[in-house]
Protein backbone atom coordinates (compact mmCIF):
# COMPACT_ATOMS: atom_id res chain seq x y z
CA MET A 1 -46.22 18.31 11.78
CA LYS A 2 -43.46 15.81 12.46
CA SER A 3 -42.53 15.13 16.05
CA PRO A 4 -38.95 15.71 17.29
CA ALA A 5 -38.59 11.96 17.71
CA SER A 6 -39.52 11.41 14.05
CA GLY A 7 -36.96 13.98 12.95
CA MET A 8 -34.28 12.31 15.03
CA LEU A 9 -35.08 8.92 13.47
CA THR A 10 -34.83 10.43 9.99
CA LEU A 11 -31.48 12.03 10.84
CA ALA A 12 -30.21 8.81 12.36
CA GLY A 13 -31.24 6.89 9.25
CA THR A 14 -29.47 9.38 6.99
CA VAL A 15 -26.29 9.20 9.06
CA ALA A 16 -26.40 5.39 9.02
CA LEU A 17 -26.82 5.41 5.23
CA VAL A 18 -23.88 7.78 4.72
CA LEU A 19 -21.71 5.72 7.07
CA GLY A 20 -22.70 2.53 5.25
CA VAL A 21 -21.82 3.97 1.85
CA THR A 22 -18.55 5.37 3.19
CA VAL A 23 -17.53 2.04 4.70
CA ALA A 24 -18.47 0.18 1.50
CA GLN A 25 -16.44 2.59 -0.63
CA GLY A 26 -13.54 2.38 1.78
CA PHE A 27 -13.61 -1.40 1.57
CA LEU A 28 -13.77 -1.49 -2.23
CA THR A 29 -11.00 1.08 -2.64
CA GLU A 30 -8.87 -0.57 0.08
CA ARG A 31 -8.85 2.71 2.02
CA TRP A 32 -8.95 0.80 5.29
CA LYS A 33 -6.22 -1.67 4.36
CA ASP A 34 -2.58 -1.49 5.30
CA LYS A 35 -0.76 -0.10 2.25
CA SER A 36 2.50 -1.90 3.06
CA VAL A 37 3.38 -4.77 0.72
CA SER A 38 2.07 -8.04 2.14
CA LYS A 39 4.13 -11.23 2.13
CA ASP A 40 1.73 -12.85 -0.37
CA LEU A 41 1.88 -9.86 -2.72
CA GLN A 42 5.68 -9.72 -2.60
CA GLU A 43 5.91 -13.47 -3.22
CA ALA A 44 3.55 -13.26 -6.20
CA ALA A 45 5.59 -10.36 -7.64
CA THR A 46 8.85 -12.27 -7.21
CA LEU A 47 7.40 -15.36 -8.90
CA LEU A 48 6.25 -13.23 -11.83
CA GLU A 49 9.66 -11.65 -12.41
CA GLU A 50 11.65 -14.85 -11.87
CA ARG A 51 9.47 -17.34 -13.74
CA PHE A 52 7.79 -15.45 -16.58
CA PRO A 53 8.44 -17.57 -19.71
CA LYS A 54 10.96 -16.36 -22.25
CA SER A 55 9.86 -18.82 -24.92
CA PHE A 56 6.63 -20.73 -25.53
CA GLY A 57 4.68 -22.11 -28.50
CA GLY A 58 6.91 -20.58 -31.16
CA TRP A 59 7.28 -17.20 -29.39
CA GLU A 60 10.65 -15.99 -28.12
CA VAL A 61 11.86 -12.86 -26.35
CA GLU A 62 13.38 -10.38 -28.77
CA ARG A 63 14.31 -7.79 -26.16
CA GLU A 64 13.36 -6.26 -22.84
CA LEU A 65 11.31 -3.05 -23.10
CA GLU A 66 11.60 0.01 -20.90
CA ALA A 67 8.69 0.73 -18.60
CA ASP A 68 7.83 4.27 -17.57
CA PRO A 69 8.41 4.58 -13.78
CA LYS A 70 5.39 6.90 -13.53
CA GLU A 71 3.18 4.31 -15.25
CA LEU A 72 4.45 1.62 -12.88
CA GLU A 73 3.70 3.83 -9.90
CA ARG A 74 0.20 4.60 -11.16
CA ALA A 75 -0.37 0.87 -11.74
CA GLY A 76 0.75 0.08 -8.19
CA ALA A 77 3.20 -2.44 -9.62
CA VAL A 78 5.08 -4.44 -6.99
CA GLY A 79 6.57 -6.56 -9.77
CA TYR A 80 6.39 -6.32 -13.56
CA ILE A 81 7.49 -7.72 -16.91
CA SER A 82 7.88 -5.62 -20.07
CA ARG A 83 9.10 -7.49 -23.14
CA LEU A 84 8.87 -7.71 -26.91
CA TYR A 85 8.27 -11.23 -28.25
CA ARG A 86 8.75 -12.48 -31.80
CA ASN A 87 7.05 -15.44 -33.44
CA THR A 88 9.77 -17.60 -34.97
CA ARG A 89 7.47 -18.81 -37.75
CA THR A 90 5.37 -15.80 -38.77
CA LYS A 91 7.91 -13.12 -37.64
CA ALA A 92 5.07 -11.20 -35.95
CA ARG A 93 5.89 -9.20 -32.83
CA VAL A 94 3.76 -8.76 -29.71
CA SER A 95 4.61 -6.68 -26.65
CA ALA A 96 3.77 -8.08 -23.23
CA PHE A 97 3.35 -5.84 -20.20
CA VAL A 98 2.41 -7.56 -16.94
CA VAL A 99 2.10 -6.14 -13.45
CA CYS A 100 1.56 -7.77 -10.08
CA ALA A 101 -0.44 -5.44 -7.84
CA ARG A 102 -3.16 -5.10 -5.24
CA PRO A 103 -6.70 -5.55 -6.63
CA HIS A 104 -7.55 -1.85 -6.36
CA ASP A 105 -4.38 -0.78 -8.19
CA ALA A 106 -4.65 -3.50 -10.84
CA SER A 107 -8.25 -2.59 -11.68
CA GLY A 108 -7.88 1.18 -11.58
CA HIS A 109 -5.84 1.88 -14.72
CA THR A 110 -7.24 0.52 -17.97
CA PRO A 111 -6.18 1.40 -21.53
CA ASP A 112 -9.27 3.51 -22.19
CA ARG A 113 -8.09 5.81 -19.38
CA CYS A 114 -4.36 5.75 -20.05
CA TYR A 115 -3.85 5.78 -23.81
CA PRO A 116 -5.89 8.94 -24.54
CA GLY A 117 -3.48 10.72 -22.19
CA ALA A 118 -0.62 9.56 -24.44
CA GLY A 119 -2.16 11.06 -27.56
CA PHE A 120 -4.23 8.08 -28.72
CA GLU A 121 -7.94 8.07 -29.43
CA ILE A 122 -10.19 5.07 -29.02
CA GLY A 123 -10.74 3.20 -32.29
CA GLU A 124 -12.60 -0.03 -31.69
CA ALA A 125 -14.38 0.24 -28.32
CA GLU A 126 -13.33 -2.28 -25.70
CA HIS A 127 -15.34 -5.48 -25.52
CA ARG A 128 -15.08 -8.80 -23.71
CA GLN A 129 -13.82 -11.79 -25.64
CA LYS A 130 -13.38 -15.42 -24.63
CA MET A 131 -10.56 -17.49 -26.06
CA GLN A 132 -9.46 -21.11 -25.94
CA LEU A 133 -6.07 -21.66 -24.35
CA ALA A 134 -3.51 -24.21 -25.51
CA ASP A 135 -4.24 -26.45 -22.52
CA GLY A 136 -7.99 -26.58 -23.25
CA ARG A 137 -9.10 -24.01 -20.66
CA GLU A 138 -10.98 -20.84 -21.51
CA ALA A 139 -9.81 -17.33 -20.70
CA GLU A 140 -11.69 -14.04 -20.68
CA THR A 141 -10.08 -10.91 -22.05
CA PHE A 142 -10.92 -7.37 -23.00
CA THR A 143 -9.76 -6.06 -26.36
CA GLY A 144 -9.92 -2.80 -28.31
CA THR A 145 -7.83 -0.54 -30.54
CA PHE A 146 -6.19 2.83 -29.93
CA ARG A 147 -4.92 5.04 -32.72
CA LYS A 148 -3.07 8.21 -33.50
CA THR A 149 -1.55 9.55 -36.70
CA GLY A 150 0.49 6.79 -38.30
CA GLN A 151 -0.16 4.12 -35.66
CA THR A 152 -2.95 1.79 -34.52
CA LEU A 153 -2.49 -0.54 -31.54
CA ARG A 154 -4.56 -3.65 -30.86
CA ILE A 155 -4.57 -4.36 -27.10
CA PHE A 156 -5.80 -7.37 -25.16
CA TRP A 157 -5.88 -7.28 -21.35
CA THR A 158 -6.92 -9.75 -18.69
CA TYR A 159 -6.60 -10.36 -14.93
CA GLY A 160 -5.01 -13.45 -13.38
CA ILE A 161 -6.65 -14.50 -10.10
CA ARG A 162 -6.88 -17.67 -7.98
CA ASP A 163 -8.99 -20.35 -9.59
CA GLU A 164 -12.47 -20.61 -8.10
CA ALA A 165 -11.79 -24.16 -6.91
CA GLU A 166 -8.84 -22.88 -4.85
CA ILE A 167 -10.26 -19.55 -3.72
CA ASP A 168 -10.01 -20.53 -0.03
CA LYS A 169 -6.30 -21.27 -0.29
CA GLU A 170 -4.00 -18.50 0.92
CA ASP A 171 -1.41 -19.55 -1.63
CA VAL A 172 -0.08 -17.36 -4.43
CA THR A 173 0.98 -20.49 -6.35
CA ALA A 174 -2.65 -21.69 -6.59
CA SER A 175 -4.05 -22.46 -10.03
CA ARG A 176 -5.19 -19.30 -11.82
CA SER A 177 -8.11 -18.22 -13.91
CA TRP A 178 -7.85 -15.35 -16.37
CA VAL A 179 -10.91 -13.14 -16.22
CA ALA A 180 -12.34 -9.89 -17.60
CA PRO A 181 -14.96 -8.74 -15.06
CA GLN A 182 -17.19 -5.82 -15.96
CA ILE A 183 -16.54 -4.16 -12.59
CA ALA A 184 -13.04 -5.38 -11.81
CA ARG A 185 -12.66 -3.38 -8.60
CA ILE A 186 -15.51 -5.33 -6.99
CA ALA A 187 -14.79 -8.72 -8.57
CA LEU A 188 -11.11 -8.75 -7.55
CA VAL A 189 -11.38 -7.23 -4.07
CA HIS A 190 -10.70 -10.46 -2.13
CA GLU A 191 -7.53 -11.37 -4.03
CA PRO A 192 -4.20 -11.09 -2.15
CA ALA A 193 -2.43 -10.32 -5.46
CA VAL A 194 -3.55 -9.83 -9.06
CA TYR A 195 -1.62 -10.30 -12.29
CA LYS A 196 -2.70 -7.95 -15.05
CA LEU A 197 -1.54 -8.81 -18.56
CA TYR A 198 -1.49 -6.59 -21.63
CA ALA A 199 -0.70 -8.07 -25.06
CA ILE A 200 -0.12 -5.33 -27.63
CA VAL A 201 0.39 -5.53 -31.39
CA ASP A 202 0.94 -2.68 -33.83
CA GLU A 203 -1.71 -2.91 -36.56
CA THR A 204 0.01 -0.32 -38.73
CA ARG A 205 1.49 -3.02 -41.00
CA LEU A 206 -1.15 -5.67 -40.37
CA THR A 207 -4.81 -6.06 -41.09
CA SER A 208 -7.08 -6.10 -38.06
CA SER A 209 -7.81 -9.81 -38.55
CA GLN A 210 -4.09 -10.65 -38.76
CA ALA A 211 -3.38 -8.73 -35.57
CA MET A 212 -6.19 -10.59 -33.81
CA VAL A 213 -4.81 -13.98 -34.91
CA GLU A 214 -1.32 -13.17 -33.65
CA CYS A 215 -2.46 -11.77 -30.28
CA GLU A 216 -4.86 -14.65 -29.69
CA ASP A 217 -2.13 -17.20 -30.45
CA PHE A 218 0.31 -15.34 -28.18
CA ILE A 219 -2.11 -15.34 -25.23
CA SER A 220 -3.29 -18.90 -25.88
CA GLN A 221 0.28 -20.20 -25.72
CA LEU A 222 1.55 -17.91 -22.95
CA LEU A 223 -1.03 -18.28 -20.19
CA PRO A 224 -0.80 -22.07 -19.71
CA MET A 225 3.00 -21.84 -19.64
CA LEU A 226 2.90 -18.94 -17.18
CA ASP A 227 0.46 -20.75 -14.89
CA THR A 228 2.65 -23.85 -14.94
CA ALA A 229 5.75 -21.79 -14.15
CA ILE A 230 4.08 -19.97 -11.24
CA ARG A 231 2.88 -23.25 -9.73
CA GLY A 232 6.37 -24.68 -10.08
CA SER A 233 4.93 -27.76 -11.79
CA GLY A 234 7.03 -29.87 -14.09
CA ASP A 235 4.06 -30.69 -16.28
CA GLU A 236 4.13 -29.07 -19.70
CA PRO A 237 0.84 -27.63 -20.99
CA ALA A 238 -0.66 -29.35 -23.98
CA ALA A 239 0.59 -28.08 -27.31
CA THR A 240 -1.66 -27.07 -30.16
CA SER A 241 -1.12 -27.05 -33.87
CA PRO A 242 -0.07 -23.76 -35.51
CA PRO A 243 -2.72 -21.52 -37.08
CA ALA A 244 -4.10 -22.60 -40.42
CA GLU A 245 -2.17 -21.50 -43.49
CA GLY A 246 -4.89 -19.02 -44.41
CA ASN A 247 -4.55 -17.26 -41.07
CA GLN A 248 -0.86 -16.46 -41.41
CA PRO A 249 0.11 -12.79 -41.79
CA GLU A 250 0.77 -11.57 -45.30
CA THR A 251 3.47 -9.21 -44.11
CA PRO A 252 6.90 -10.47 -42.97
CA ALA A 253 6.66 -8.86 -39.54
CA ALA A 254 4.41 -6.89 -37.29
CA GLY A 255 5.76 -3.86 -35.50
CA ALA A 256 5.33 -3.20 -31.79
CA PRO A 257 5.48 -0.11 -29.59
CA GLU A 258 8.84 0.64 -28.01
CA SER A 259 7.31 0.53 -24.55
CA ALA A 260 4.65 -2.00 -23.67
CA ALA A 261 3.47 -0.13 -20.59
CA GLY A 262 -0.22 0.52 -20.76
CA GLY A 263 -2.81 1.98 -18.43
């Protein structure tokens, strides 16, 4: 028979465990943080909206796209960009949707959660992919496809955070790395602000391989230019040669969704 003291110790241990789990969850979900917009977050959002490139590596803005206010609210967007870009050489089109948000908000809404609610089903399951950027760095992304009758979308998404070498700097203009962590909510928790980029191409009039080539080129050219613009540096990122002739799309243009807003 257990003594009263033993029972009390067991109860105390259980309470301590519950409290520990609660505190950990509260920390990871930012439950204990002030929900007002911090100075750093507002500055990062302003930089995004004011400096996001309109042309880079053969890509130019074709038009601004509408973003659903409800999607922006769910994404916790303090600042955002929603645009359709066109490649001047291949005529392909890629939609870019970018939000600046708190880590918890940026990591909480991914395409596999959002697009099924808009009538899409998952085609190619999401997977992590590394890609070489135009300035020689490497970026991590997630990619997958979502389809419904008459339409298939190829989506890449990635998170922009402070570069590891500058992680101790409380500076939203610090150099950035683009990552695709398996558990984003934990990996991003210490960031004052996170950029989340979606690059979306309509595969309806493209083969899957053609869509991949266009999206990869778009991201490869965009991210170095965006990082340079955010830092306010006058240095231009290194240019790369265009894709090989065999990788060019066979169709004159690739379509894109009317709204780039994702999950």
